[in-house]
PDB file of N, CA and C in Angstrom:
ATOM      1  N   UNK A   1       0.737  -1.499  -0.287  1.00  0.00           N
ATOM      2  CA  UNK A   1       0.298   0.207   0.089  1.00  0.00           C
ATOM      3  C   UNK A   1      -0.073   1.079  -0.004  1.00  0.00           C
ATOM      4  N   UNK A   2       0.611   2.119  -0.447  1.00  0.00           N
ATOM      5  CA  UNK A   2       1.281   3.444  -0.748  1.00  0.00           C
ATOM      6  C   UNK A   2       0.070   4.391  -0.744  1.00  0.00           C
ATOM      7  N   UNK A   3       1.197   5.740   0.434  1.00  0.00           N
ATOM      8  CA  UNK A   3       0.144   6.524   0.786  1.00  0.00           C
ATOM      9  C   UNK A   3       0.502   7.703  -0.554  1.00  0.00           C
ATOM     10  N   UNK A   4       0.054   8.268  -1.524  1.00  0.00           N
ATOM     11  CA  UNK A   4       0.065   9.479  -2.220  1.00  0.00           C
ATOM     12  C   UNK A   4      -1.250  10.812  -2.159  1.00  0.00           C
ATOM     13  N   UNK A   5       0.026  11.936  -1.673  1.00  0.00           N
ATOM     14  CA  UNK A   5      -1.082  13.268  -0.966  1.00  0.00           C
ATOM     15  C   UNK A   5      -0.897  14.178  -2.459  1.00  0.00           C
ATOM     16  N   UNK A   6      -1.986  14.840  -2.641  1.00  0.00           N
ATOM     17  CA  UNK A   6      -2.496  15.665  -3.534  1.00  0.00           C
ATOM     18  C   UNK A   6      -2.581  16.820  -3.213  1.00  0.00           C
ATOM     19  N   UNK A   7      -2.125  18.505  -4.170  1.00  0.00           N
ATOM     20  CA  UNK A   7      -2.823  19.317  -3.601  1.00  0.00           C
ATOM     21  C   UNK A   7      -3.544  19.690  -5.317  1.00  0.00           C
ATOM     22  N   UNK A   8      -4.988  19.862  -5.570  1.00  0.00           N
ATOM     23  CA  UNK A   8      -5.643  20.156  -6.534  1.00  0.00           C
ATOM     24  C   UNK A   8      -6.492  21.341  -6.626  1.00  0.00           C
ATOM     25  N   UNK A   9      -7.430  21.723  -7.313  1.00  0.00           N
ATOM     26  CA  UNK A   9      -7.897  22.722  -7.387  1.00  0.00           C
ATOM     27  C   UNK A   9      -9.732  22.540  -7.640  1.00  0.00           C
ATOM     28  N   UNK A  10     -11.107  22.010  -8.072  1.00  0.00           N
ATOM     29  CA  UNK A  10     -11.979  22.521  -8.182  1.00  0.00           C
ATOM     30  C   UNK A  10     -11.908  23.087  -9.414  1.00  0.00           C
ATOM     31  N   UNK A  11     -12.148  22.598 -10.471  1.00  0.00           N
ATOM     32  CA  UNK A  11     -12.690  23.544 -11.458  1.00  0.00           C
ATOM     33  C   UNK A  11     -14.670  24.695 -11.393  1.00  0.00           C
ATOM     34  N   UNK A  12     -14.228  24.879 -12.478  1.00  0.00           N
ATOM     35  CA  UNK A  12     -15.769  26.440 -12.263  1.00  0.00           C
ATOM     36  C   UNK A  12     -16.647  25.156 -12.538  1.00  0.00           C
ATOM     37  N   UNK A  13     -16.533  24.034 -12.414  1.00  0.00           N
ATOM     38  CA  UNK A  13     -18.520  23.891 -11.925  1.00  0.00           C
ATOM     39  C   UNK A  13     -18.390  22.744 -10.430  1.00  0.00           C
ATOM     40  N   UNK A  14     -16.992  22.631 -10.713  1.00  0.00           N
ATOM     41  CA  UNK A  14     -17.465  22.184  -9.099  1.00  0.00           C
ATOM     42  C   UNK A  14     -16.075  20.179  -9.169  1.00  0.00           C
ATOM     43  N   UNK A  15     -16.125  19.890  -9.955  1.00  0.00           N
ATOM     44  CA  UNK A  15     -15.423  18.725 -10.156  1.00  0.00           C
ATOM     45  C   UNK A  15     -13.355  18.473 -10.344  1.00  0.00           C
ATOM     46  N   UNK A  16     -13.601  18.091  -9.842  1.00  0.00           N
ATOM     47  CA  UNK A  16     -11.694  17.671  -9.180  1.00  0.00           C
ATOM     48  C   UNK A  16     -11.581  15.963  -9.856  1.00  0.00           C
ATOM     49  N   UNK A  17     -10.278  16.840 -10.756  1.00  0.00           N
ATOM     50  CA  UNK A  17      -9.841  15.979 -12.086  1.00  0.00           C
ATOM     51  C   UNK A  17      -8.415  15.379 -11.079  1.00  0.00           C
ATOM     52  N   UNK A  18      -8.281  14.126 -10.477  1.00  0.00           N
ATOM     53  CA  UNK A  18      -6.913  14.443 -10.109  1.00  0.00           C
ATOM     54  C   UNK A  18      -6.128  13.159 -10.853  1.00  0.00           C
ATOM     55  N   UNK A  19      -4.853  12.950 -11.136  1.00  0.00           N
ATOM     56  CA  UNK A  19      -3.935  12.601 -11.702  1.00  0.00           C
ATOM     57  C   UNK A  19      -2.987  12.307 -10.861  1.00  0.00           C
ATOM     58  N   UNK A  20      -2.544  10.544 -11.357  1.00  0.00           N
ATOM     59  CA  UNK A  20      -2.067  10.024  -9.625  1.00  0.00           C
ATOM     60  C   UNK A  20      -0.756   9.280 -10.172  1.00  0.00           C
ATOM     61  N   UNK A  21       0.262   9.832 -10.024  1.00  0.00           N
ATOM     62  CA  UNK A  21       1.416   8.341 -10.977  1.00  0.00           C
ATOM     63  C   UNK A  21       1.663   7.649  -9.868  1.00  0.00           C
ATOM     64  N   UNK A  22       1.980   6.212 -10.811  1.00  0.00           N
ATOM     65  CA  UNK A  22       1.345   5.287 -10.077  1.00  0.00           C
ATOM     66  C   UNK A  22       3.081   4.403 -11.420  1.00  0.00           C
ATOM     67  N   UNK A  23       3.178   3.173 -10.509  1.00  0.00           N
ATOM     68  CA  UNK A  23       4.415   3.155 -10.638  1.00  0.00           C
ATOM     69  C   UNK A  23       4.285   1.260 -11.596  1.00  0.00           C
ATOM     70  N   UNK A  24       3.306   0.494 -11.640  1.00  0.00           N
ATOM     71  CA  UNK A  24       2.567  -0.801 -12.173  1.00  0.00           C
ATOM     72  C   UNK A  24       1.276   0.028 -12.815  1.00  0.00           C
ATOM     73  N   UNK A  25       1.301  -0.756 -14.220  1.00  0.00           N
ATOM     74  CA  UNK A  25       0.907  -0.578 -15.505  1.00  0.00           C
ATOM     75  C   UNK A  25       0.264  -2.022 -15.543  1.00  0.00           C
ATOM     76  N   UNK A  26      -1.507  -1.436 -16.208  1.00  0.00           N
ATOM     77  CA  UNK A  26      -2.751  -2.956 -16.347  1.00  0.00           C
ATOM     78  C   UNK A  26      -2.397  -2.892 -14.655  1.00  0.00           C
ATOM     79  N   UNK A  27      -2.475  -2.513 -13.763  1.00  0.00           N
ATOM     80  CA  UNK A  27      -2.732  -3.254 -12.547  1.00  0.00           C
ATOM     81  C   UNK A  27      -4.431  -2.922 -12.080  1.00  0.00           C
ATOM     82  N   UNK A  28      -4.607  -3.224 -11.177  1.00  0.00           N
ATOM     83  CA  UNK A  28      -6.209  -2.332 -10.168  1.00  0.00           C
ATOM     84  C   UNK A  28      -5.930  -2.262  -9.126  1.00  0.00           C
ATOM     85  N   UNK A  29      -6.532  -1.274  -9.016  1.00  0.00           N
ATOM     86  CA  UNK A  29      -6.115  -0.494  -7.812  1.00  0.00           C
ATOM     87  C   UNK A  29      -7.483  -0.254  -7.131  1.00  0.00           C
ATOM     88  N   UNK A  30      -7.580   0.008  -5.968  1.00  0.00           N
ATOM     89  CA  UNK A  30      -8.219  -0.407  -4.396  1.00  0.00           C
ATOM     90  C   UNK A  30      -7.653   1.562  -4.184  1.00  0.00           C
ATOM     91  N   UNK A  31      -8.729   2.915  -4.311  1.00  0.00           N
ATOM     92  CA  UNK A  31      -8.819   4.172  -3.726  1.00  0.00           C
ATOM     93  C   UNK A  31      -9.487   4.667  -3.553  1.00  0.00           C
ATOM     94  N   UNK A  32      -9.382   5.322  -2.038  1.00  0.00           N
ATOM     95  CA  UNK A  32      -9.909   5.372  -1.502  1.00  0.00           C
ATOM     96  C   UNK A  32      -9.420   6.811  -1.668  1.00  0.00           C
ATOM     97  N   UNK A  33     -10.789   8.549  -1.258  1.00  0.00           N
ATOM     98  CA  UNK A  33     -10.542   9.408  -1.573  1.00  0.00           C
ATOM     99  C   UNK A  33     -10.659  10.431   0.044  1.00  0.00           C
ATOM    100  N   UNK A  34     -10.253  11.023   0.418  1.00  0.00           N
ATOM    101  CA  UNK A  34     -10.925  11.819   1.348  1.00  0.00           C
ATOM    102  C   UNK A  34      -9.962  13.126   0.727  1.00  0.00           C
ATOM    103  N   UNK A  35     -11.570  13.929   1.207  1.00  0.00           N
ATOM    104  CA  UNK A  35     -11.224  15.240   0.709  1.00  0.00           C
ATOM    105  C   UNK A  35     -11.733  16.590   2.258  1.00  0.00           C
ATOM    106  N   UNK A  36     -10.033  17.490   2.231  1.00  0.00           N
ATOM    107  CA  UNK A  36     -10.151  18.078   3.411  1.00  0.00           C
ATOM    108  C   UNK A  36      -9.992  19.164   3.146  1.00  0.00           C
ATOM    109  N   UNK A  37     -10.907  20.471   2.876  1.00  0.00           N
ATOM    110  CA  UNK A  37     -10.949  21.612   1.807  1.00  0.00           C
ATOM    111  C   UNK A  37      -9.249  22.698   3.270  1.00  0.00           C
ATOM    112  N   UNK A  38      -8.926  22.674   1.280  1.00  0.00           N
ATOM    113  CA  UNK A  38      -8.189  24.237   2.026  1.00  0.00           C
ATOM    114  C   UNK A  38      -8.146  25.363   3.148  1.00  0.00           C
ATOM    115  N   UNK A  39      -8.658  25.180   4.142  1.00  0.00           N
ATOM    116  CA  UNK A  39      -8.895  27.170   4.216  1.00  0.00           C
ATOM    117  C   UNK A  39      -7.744  27.614   5.354  1.00  0.00           C
ATOM    118  N   UNK A  40      -7.733  29.435   4.728  1.00  0.00           N
ATOM    119  CA  UNK A  40      -6.161  29.803   5.419  1.00  0.00           C
ATOM    120  C   UNK A  40      -7.352  30.387   6.443  1.00  0.00           C
ATOM    121  N   UNK A  41      -5.750  30.740   7.438  1.00  0.00           N
ATOM    122  CA  UNK A  41      -6.609  31.687   8.135  1.00  0.00           C
ATOM    123  C   UNK A  41      -7.379  33.022   7.923  1.00  0.00           C
ATOM    124  N   UNK A  42      -7.117  33.462   7.233  1.00  0.00           N
ATOM    125  CA  UNK A  42      -7.988  34.846   7.129  1.00  0.00           C
ATOM    126  C   UNK A  42      -9.467  34.378   7.152  1.00  0.00           C
ATOM    127  N   UNK A  43      -9.624  32.784   6.034  1.00  0.00           N
ATOM    128  CA  UNK A  43     -11.201  32.756   5.935  1.00  0.00           C
ATOM    129  C   UNK A  43     -11.586  32.249   7.021  1.00  0.00           C
ATOM    130  N   UNK A  44     -10.624  31.158   7.762  1.00  0.00           N
ATOM    131  CA  UNK A  44     -11.789  30.526   8.995  1.00  0.00           C
ATOM    132  C   UNK A  44     -11.520  31.962   9.940  1.00  0.00           C
ATOM    133  N   UNK A  45     -11.242  33.086  10.169  1.00  0.00           N
ATOM    134  CA  UNK A  45     -11.340  33.839  10.988  1.00  0.00           C
ATOM    135  C   UNK A  45     -12.749  35.038  10.548  1.00  0.00           C
ATOM    136  N   UNK A  46     -12.692  34.910   9.281  1.00  0.00           N
ATOM    137  CA  UNK A  46     -13.822  35.559   9.033  1.00  0.00           C
ATOM    138  C   UNK A  46     -14.873  34.686   8.775  1.00  0.00           C
ATOM    139  N   UNK A  47     -14.790  33.467   9.469  1.00  0.00           N
ATOM    140  CA  UNK A  47     -16.336  32.730   9.385  1.00  0.00           C
ATOM    141  C   UNK A  47     -16.803  32.279  11.051  1.00  0.00           C
ATOM    142  N   UNK A  48     -15.452  32.817  11.353  1.00  0.00           N
ATOM    143  CA  UNK A  48     -15.251  33.034  13.552  1.00  0.00           C
ATOM    144  C   UNK A  48     -16.667  34.261  13.305  1.00  0.00           C
ATOM    145  N   UNK A  49     -16.488  35.539  12.842  1.00  0.00           N
ATOM    146  CA  UNK A  49     -17.354  36.402  12.784  1.00  0.00           C
ATOM    147  C   UNK A  49     -15.805  37.644  12.996  1.00  0.00           C
ATOM    148  N   UNK A  50     -14.919  37.723  12.629  1.00  0.00           N
ATOM    149  CA  UNK A  50     -13.689  38.596  12.279  1.00  0.00           C
ATOM    150  C   UNK A  50     -13.572  39.560  11.187  1.00  0.00           C
ATOM    151  N   UNK A  51     -14.002  40.972  11.069  1.00  0.00           N
ATOM    152  CA  UNK A  51     -13.121  40.823   9.581  1.00  0.00           C
ATOM    153  C   UNK A  51     -12.244  40.678   9.061  1.00  0.00           C
ATOM    154  N   UNK A  52     -12.746  40.670   7.824  1.00  0.00           N
ATOM    155  CA  UNK A  52     -11.525  40.584   6.405  1.00  0.00           C
ATOM    156  C   UNK A  52     -10.179  41.378   7.285  1.00  0.00           C
ATOM    157  N   UNK A  53      -8.865  39.923   6.759  1.00  0.00           N
ATOM    158  CA  UNK A  53      -8.091  41.355   8.388  1.00  0.00           C
ATOM    159  C   UNK A  53      -7.272  41.745   8.578  1.00  0.00           C
ATOM    160  N   UNK A  54      -8.671  41.501  10.247  1.00  0.00           N
ATOM    161  CA  UNK A  54      -8.110  42.448  11.632  1.00  0.00           C
ATOM    162  C   UNK A  54      -6.961  41.950  12.204  1.00  0.00           C
ATOM    163  N   UNK A  55      -6.647  40.720  12.061  1.00  0.00           N
ATOM    164  CA  UNK A  55      -5.275  40.021  12.668  1.00  0.00           C
ATOM    165  C   UNK A  55      -4.632  40.412  11.235  1.00  0.00           C
ATOM    166  N   UNK A  56      -4.151  40.414  10.353  1.00  0.00           N
ATOM    167  CA  UNK A  56      -3.286  41.062   9.446  1.00  0.00           C
ATOM    168  C   UNK A  56      -2.565  42.621  10.012  1.00  0.00           C
ATOM    169  N   UNK A  57      -3.551  43.351   9.678  1.00  0.00           N
ATOM    170  CA  UNK A  57      -3.216  44.787  10.105  1.00  0.00           C
ATOM    171  C   UNK A  57      -3.590  45.174  11.986  1.00  0.00           C
ATOM    172  N   UNK A  58      -3.277  44.335  12.528  1.00  0.00           N
ATOM    173  CA  UNK A  58      -3.828  44.797  13.921  1.00  0.00           C
ATOM    174  C   UNK A  58      -2.538  44.130  15.273  1.00  0.00           C
ATOM    175  N   UNK A  59      -1.815  42.802  14.425  1.00  0.00           N
ATOM    176  CA  UNK A  59      -1.544  42.227  15.207  1.00  0.00           C
ATOM    177  C   UNK A  59      -0.402  42.825  14.925  1.00  0.00           C
ATOM    178  N   UNK A  60       1.001  42.990  16.244  1.00  0.00           N
ATOM    179  CA  UNK A  60       2.624  43.393  16.558  1.00  0.00           C
ATOM    180  C   UNK A  60       1.695  45.379  16.403  1.00  0.00           C
ATOM    181  N   UNK A  61       0.643  46.007  16.392  1.00  0.00           N
ATOM    182  CA  UNK A  61       0.372  47.345  16.652  1.00  0.00           C
ATOM    183  C   UNK A  61       0.877  47.944  17.073  1.00  0.00           C
ATOM    184  N   UNK A  62       0.029  47.609  18.306  1.00  0.00           N
ATOM    185  CA  UNK A  62       0.738  48.750  19.543  1.00  0.00           C
ATOM    186  C   UNK A  62       1.771  48.865  19.682  1.00  0.00           C
ATOM    187  N   UNK A  63       1.168  50.764  20.368  1.00  0.00           N
ATOM    188  CA  UNK A  63       2.003  51.113  19.882  1.00  0.00           C
ATOM    189  C   UNK A  63       3.112  52.212  21.530  1.00  0.00           C
ATOM    190  N   UNK A  64       2.691  51.475  22.194  1.00  0.00           N
ATOM    191  CA  UNK A  64       2.130  52.654  23.622  1.00  0.00           C
ATOM    192  C   UNK A  64       3.317  52.025  24.733  1.00  0.00           C
ATOM    193  N   UNK A  65       3.802  51.872  25.631  1.00  0.00           N
ATOM    194  CA  UNK A  65       3.877  51.831  26.408  1.00  0.00           C
ATOM    195  C   UNK A  65       4.819  50.472  26.273  1.00  0.00           C
ATOM    196  N   UNK A  66       5.763  49.752  26.460  1.00  0.00           N
ATOM    197  CA  UNK A  66       5.873  48.249  26.938  1.00  0.00           C
ATOM    198  C   UNK A  66       4.972  47.759  27.679  1.00  0.00           C
ATOM    199  N   UNK A  67       3.760  46.438  27.321  1.00  0.00           N
ATOM    200  CA  UNK A  67       3.173  45.955  27.764  1.00  0.00           C
ATOM    201  C   UNK A  67       4.501  45.080  28.999  1.00  0.00           C
ATOM    202  N   UNK A  68       3.885  45.703  30.696  1.00  0.00           N
ATOM    203  CA  UNK A  68       3.955  43.966  31.587  1.00  0.00           C
ATOM    204  C   UNK A  68       3.288  43.545  32.216  1.00  0.00           C
ATOM    205  N   UNK A  69       3.933  42.231  32.804  1.00  0.00           N
ATOM    206  CA  UNK A  69       3.886  41.767  33.543  1.00  0.00           C
ATOM    207  C   UNK A  69       3.371  41.360  35.218  1.00  0.00           C
ATOM    208  N   UNK A  70       2.493  42.036  35.874  1.00  0.00           N
ATOM    209  CA  UNK A  70       2.871  42.182  37.351  1.00  0.00           C
ATOM    210  C   UNK A  70       3.256  40.600  37.532  1.00  0.00           C
ATOM    211  N   UNK A  71       3.887  41.425  39.049  1.00  0.00           N
ATOM    212  CA  UNK A  71       4.704  40.369  39.738  1.00  0.00           C
ATOM    213  C   UNK A  71       3.186  39.050  40.322  1.00  0.00           C
ATOM    214  N   UNK A  72       3.737  37.883  40.234  1.00  0.00           N
ATOM    215  CA  UNK A  72       2.454  36.939  40.476  1.00  0.00           C
ATOM    216  C   UNK A  72       1.876  36.487  41.913  1.00  0.00           C
ATOM    217  N   UNK A  73       2.558  36.427  41.978  1.00  0.00           N
ATOM    218  CA  UNK A  73       2.316  36.326  43.908  1.00  0.00           C
ATOM    219  C   UNK A  73       3.288  34.712  43.533  1.00  0.00           C
ATOM    220  N   UNK A  74       3.251  34.762  45.564  1.00  0.00           N
ATOM    221  CA  UNK A  74       2.786  32.875  46.158  1.00  0.00           C
ATOM    222  C   UNK A  74       1.634  32.024  45.623  1.00  0.00           C
ATOM    223  N   UNK A  75       2.370  30.560  45.475  1.00  0.00           N
ATOM    224  CA  UNK A  75       0.888  29.950  44.133  1.00  0.00           C
ATOM    225  C   UNK A  75       1.143  28.628  46.302  1.00  0.00           C
ATOM    226  N   UNK A  76      -0.394  28.967  46.015  1.00  0.00           N
ATOM    227  CA  UNK A  76      -1.459  28.328  47.200  1.00  0.00           C
ATOM    228  C   UNK A  76      -1.013  26.947  47.610  1.00  0.00           C
ATOM    229  N   UNK A  77      -0.585  26.188  48.789  1.00  0.00           N
ATOM    230  CA  UNK A  77       0.420  24.834  47.925  1.00  0.00           C
ATOM    231  C   UNK A  77      -1.027  23.553  48.899  1.00  0.00           C
ATOM    232  N   UNK A  78      -1.305  23.102  48.518  1.00  0.00           N
ATOM    233  CA  UNK A  78      -2.513  22.358  48.236  1.00  0.00           C
ATOM    234  C   UNK A  78      -2.169  21.189  48.598  1.00  0.00           C
ATOM    235  N   UNK A  79      -3.623  20.149  49.469  1.00  0.00           N
ATOM    236  CA  UNK A  79      -3.046  18.927  49.175  1.00  0.00           C
ATOM    237  C   UNK A  79      -3.530  17.960  49.001  1.00  0.00           C
ATOM    238  N   UNK A  80      -2.358  17.082  48.204  1.00  0.00           N
ATOM    239  CA  UNK A  80      -2.251  16.443  46.820  1.00  0.00           C
ATOM    240  C   UNK A  80      -4.327  15.047  47.063  1.00  0.00           C
ATOM    241  N   UNK A  81      -4.467  15.442  46.649  1.00  0.00           N
ATOM    242  CA  UNK A  81      -5.447  14.242  46.248  1.00  0.00           C
ATOM    243  C   UNK A  81      -5.532  13.811  45.520  1.00  0.00           C
ATOM    244  N   UNK A  82      -5.336  11.490  46.270  1.00  0.00           N
ATOM    245  CA  UNK A  82      -5.090  10.809  45.739  1.00  0.00           C
ATOM    246  C   UNK A  82      -6.868   9.881  45.258  1.00  0.00           C
TER     247      UNK A  82
END
């Protein structure tokens, strides 16, 4: 058994044509196809309700004083649950 991974695109009719190179001629094959659409990060964030390009425009855009993290204090010691 051999695993072949291809990246292809459907045509305007929504048909995906696959050309899979194999080393064996005149051989019958059992073929399993798993379709997984490729969604860019911007498409995924738009589906979640963010405006197009939001993260690209805002990432690293902070112009104010450097952000600092205050001291977190001591962690309380708890008894282990067994």
